[in-house]
C-alpha atoms as a PDB file:
ATOM      1  CA  ARG A   1     -30.992  -1.071 -45.204  1.00  0.00           C
ATOM      2  CA  VAL A   2     -29.851   2.526 -44.826  1.00  0.00           C
ATOM      3  CA  ILE A   3     -26.433   1.745 -46.314  1.00  0.00           C
ATOM      4  CA  LEU A   4     -28.032   0.008 -49.265  1.00  0.00           C
ATOM      5  CA  ALA A   5     -30.281   3.014 -49.800  1.00  0.00           C
ATOM      6  CA  THR A   6     -27.345   5.419 -49.716  1.00  0.00           C
ATOM      7  CA  ASN A   7     -25.506   3.362 -52.332  1.00  0.00           C
ATOM      8  CA  VAL A   8     -28.081   4.478 -54.915  1.00  0.00           C
ATOM      9  CA  HIS A   9     -26.764   8.023 -55.064  1.00  0.00           C
ATOM     10  CA  PRO A  10     -23.236   8.170 -56.573  1.00  0.00           C
ATOM     11  CA  ARG A  11     -21.791  10.690 -54.120  1.00  0.00           C
ATOM     12  CA  LEU A  12     -23.198   8.921 -51.077  1.00  0.00           C
ATOM     13  CA  ALA A  13     -22.020   5.600 -52.506  1.00  0.00           C
ATOM     14  CA  LEU A  14     -18.488   6.990 -52.502  1.00  0.00           C
ATOM     15  CA  LEU A  15     -18.802   7.765 -48.789  1.00  0.00           C
ATOM     16  CA  THR A  16     -20.294   4.409 -47.805  1.00  0.00           C
ATOM     17  CA  GLY A  17     -17.772   2.576 -49.965  1.00  0.00           C
ATOM     18  CA  THR A  18     -14.888   4.376 -48.288  1.00  0.00           C
ATOM     19  CA  ILE A  19     -16.224   3.556 -44.839  1.00  0.00           C
ATOM     20  CA  GLY A  20     -16.773  -0.060 -45.849  1.00  0.00           C
ATOM     21  CA  ARG A  21     -13.216  -0.432 -47.136  1.00  0.00           C
ATOM     22  CA  SER A  22     -11.722   1.185 -44.028  1.00  0.00           C
ATOM     23  CA  LEU A  23     -13.563  -0.935 -41.416  1.00  0.00           C
ATOM     24  CA  ASP A  24     -10.731  -3.469 -41.218  1.00  0.00           C
ATOM     25  CA  ASP A  25      -8.142  -0.761 -40.565  1.00  0.00           C
ATOM     26  CA  MET A  26     -10.381   0.954 -38.019  1.00  0.00           C
ATOM     27  CA  TRP A  27     -10.859  -2.379 -36.201  1.00  0.00           C
ATOM     28  CA  HIS A  28      -7.105  -2.959 -35.963  1.00  0.00           C
ATOM     29  CA  THR A  29      -6.470   0.598 -34.813  1.00  0.00           C
ATOM     30  CA  THR A  30      -9.143   0.302 -32.123  1.00  0.00           C
ATOM     31  CA  LEU A  31      -7.695  -3.007 -30.964  1.00  0.00           C
ATOM     32  CA  LEU A  32      -4.195  -1.490 -30.761  1.00  0.00           C
ATOM     33  CA  VAL A  33      -5.311   1.627 -28.867  1.00  0.00           C
ATOM     34  CA  VAL A  34      -7.447  -0.327 -26.369  1.00  0.00           C
ATOM     35  CA  THR A  35      -4.649  -2.822 -25.715  1.00  0.00           C
ATOM     36  CA  LEU A  36      -2.050  -0.105 -25.170  1.00  0.00           C
ATOM     37  CA  ASN A  37      -4.389   1.854 -22.885  1.00  0.00           C
ATOM     38  CA  LEU A  38      -5.068  -1.223 -20.760  1.00  0.00           C
ATOM     39  CA  ILE A  39      -1.363  -2.039 -20.517  1.00  0.00           C
ATOM     40  CA  PHE A  40      -0.481   1.502 -19.480  1.00  0.00           C
ATOM     41  CA  ALA A  41      -3.430   1.569 -17.047  1.00  0.00           C
ATOM     42  CA  GLY A  42      -2.223  -1.625 -15.403  1.00  0.00           C
ATOM     43  CA  ILE A  43       1.307  -0.276 -15.062  1.00  0.00           C
ATOM     44  CA  ALA A  44       0.139   3.070 -13.666  1.00  0.00           C
ATOM     45  CA  SER A  45      -2.327   1.505 -11.264  1.00  0.00           C
ATOM     46  CA  TRP A  46       0.341  -0.875  -9.982  1.00  0.00           C
ATOM     47  CA  ARG A  47       3.068   1.758  -9.706  1.00  0.00           C
ATOM     48  CA  PHE A  48       1.180   4.894  -8.656  1.00  0.00           C
ATOM     49  CA  GLY A  49      -2.086   3.568  -7.191  1.00  0.00           C
ATOM     50  CA  SER A  50      -0.986   3.832  -3.573  1.00  0.00           C
ATOM     51  CA  ASP A  51       0.430   7.351  -3.951  1.00  0.00           C
ATOM     52  CA  TYR A  52      -2.024   9.153  -6.247  1.00  0.00           C
ATOM     53  CA  ASP A  53      -5.834   9.143  -6.163  1.00  0.00           C
ATOM     54  CA  ASN A  54      -5.959   9.400  -9.967  1.00  0.00           C
ATOM     55  CA  PHE A  55      -4.423   5.923 -10.310  1.00  0.00           C
ATOM     56  CA  GLU A  56      -6.194   3.971  -7.544  1.00  0.00           C
ATOM     57  CA  THR A  57      -8.032   1.523  -9.804  1.00  0.00           C
ATOM     58  CA  ILE A  58      -7.897   0.531 -13.445  1.00  0.00           C
ATOM     59  CA  ASN A  59     -11.150   2.420 -14.170  1.00  0.00           C
ATOM     60  CA  VAL A  60      -9.929   5.636 -12.560  1.00  0.00           C
ATOM     61  CA  THR A  61      -6.582   5.251 -14.320  1.00  0.00           C
ATOM     62  CA  LEU A  62      -8.300   4.856 -17.698  1.00  0.00           C
ATOM     63  CA  GLN A  63     -10.246   8.061 -17.038  1.00  0.00           C
ATOM     64  CA  THR A  64      -7.023   9.826 -16.053  1.00  0.00           C
ATOM     65  CA  GLN A  65      -5.302   8.609 -19.212  1.00  0.00           C
ATOM     66  CA  PHE A  66      -8.217   9.845 -21.318  1.00  0.00           C
ATOM     67  CA  MET A  67      -7.894  13.279 -19.741  1.00  0.00           C
ATOM     68  CA  MET A  68      -4.115  13.182 -20.268  1.00  0.00           C
ATOM     69  CA  LEU A  69      -4.689  12.747 -23.998  1.00  0.00           C
ATOM     70  CA  PHE A  70      -6.398  16.143 -23.977  1.00  0.00           C
ATOM     71  CA  GLY A  71      -3.752  17.850 -21.839  1.00  0.00           C
ATOM     72  CA  THR A  72      -5.285  17.613 -18.362  1.00  0.00           C
ATOM     73  CA  PHE A  73      -2.613  15.969 -16.229  1.00  0.00           C
ATOM     74  CA  PRO A  74      -3.079  14.871 -12.595  1.00  0.00           C
ATOM     75  CA  ASP A  75      -2.300  17.305  -9.799  1.00  0.00           C
ATOM     76  CA  ASN A  76       1.330  17.255  -8.680  1.00  0.00           C
ATOM     77  CA  TRP A  77       2.351  15.056 -11.605  1.00  0.00           C
ATOM     78  CA  THR A  78       5.725  16.801 -11.742  1.00  0.00           C
ATOM     79  CA  ASP A  79       6.591  15.790  -8.157  1.00  0.00           C
ATOM     80  CA  SER A  80       7.638  12.275  -9.122  1.00  0.00           C
ATOM     81  CA  THR A  81      10.260  11.465 -11.737  1.00  0.00           C
ATOM     82  CA  ASP A  82       8.551   8.114 -12.342  1.00  0.00           C
ATOM     83  CA  LEU A  83       5.212   9.808 -13.050  1.00  0.00           C
ATOM     84  CA  ILE A  84       6.860  12.265 -15.437  1.00  0.00           C
ATOM     85  CA  LEU A  85       8.527   9.377 -17.263  1.00  0.00           C
ATOM     86  CA  TYR A  86       5.237   7.455 -17.358  1.00  0.00           C
ATOM     87  CA  SER A  87       3.354  10.474 -18.732  1.00  0.00           C
ATOM     88  CA  VAL A  88       5.926  11.136 -21.439  1.00  0.00           C
ATOM     89  CA  MET A  89       6.060   7.466 -22.454  1.00  0.00           C
ATOM     90  CA  PHE A  90       2.266   7.200 -22.510  1.00  0.00           C
ATOM     91  CA  LEU A  91       1.896  10.217 -24.770  1.00  0.00           C
ATOM     92  CA  MET A  92       4.794   9.202 -26.996  1.00  0.00           C
ATOM     93  CA  VAL A  93       3.500   5.691 -27.519  1.00  0.00           C
ATOM     94  CA  LEU A  94      -0.087   6.695 -28.169  1.00  0.00           C
ATOM     95  CA  PHE A  95       0.559   9.719 -30.322  1.00  0.00           C
ATOM     96  CA  ILE A  96       3.771   8.924 -32.138  1.00  0.00           C
ATOM     97  CA  LEU A  97       3.616   5.160 -32.567  1.00  0.00           C
ATOM     98  CA  VAL A  98      -0.104   4.631 -32.991  1.00  0.00           C
ATOM     99  CA  LEU A  99      -0.589   7.549 -35.367  1.00  0.00           C
ATOM    100  CA  ASN A 100       2.392   6.494 -37.470  1.00  0.00           C
ATOM    101  CA  PHE A 101       1.320   2.871 -37.738  1.00  0.00           C
ATOM    102  CA  VAL A 102      -2.231   3.699 -38.694  1.00  0.00           C
END
């Protein structure tokens, strides 16, 4: 109802039309990002779960990955070469690949 009401005004109709046309692309981007996050969370939980508290479970790993996207890395993340490689790959895949394919 609200969207139909905003279509009456020409400038608001431009906004709602743009959002309506982009829903398919936003759905595919969301699906890609969620899938990649779950894959990386599974790998990190399996590989680093016994050594680091930030990767104990999938839920904790997803929270850690979310914080990594904003630059807050786990404590002592530079102690392990595997964790450095994981962090670099995670950021490269999410930022470089996902942003370029969107």
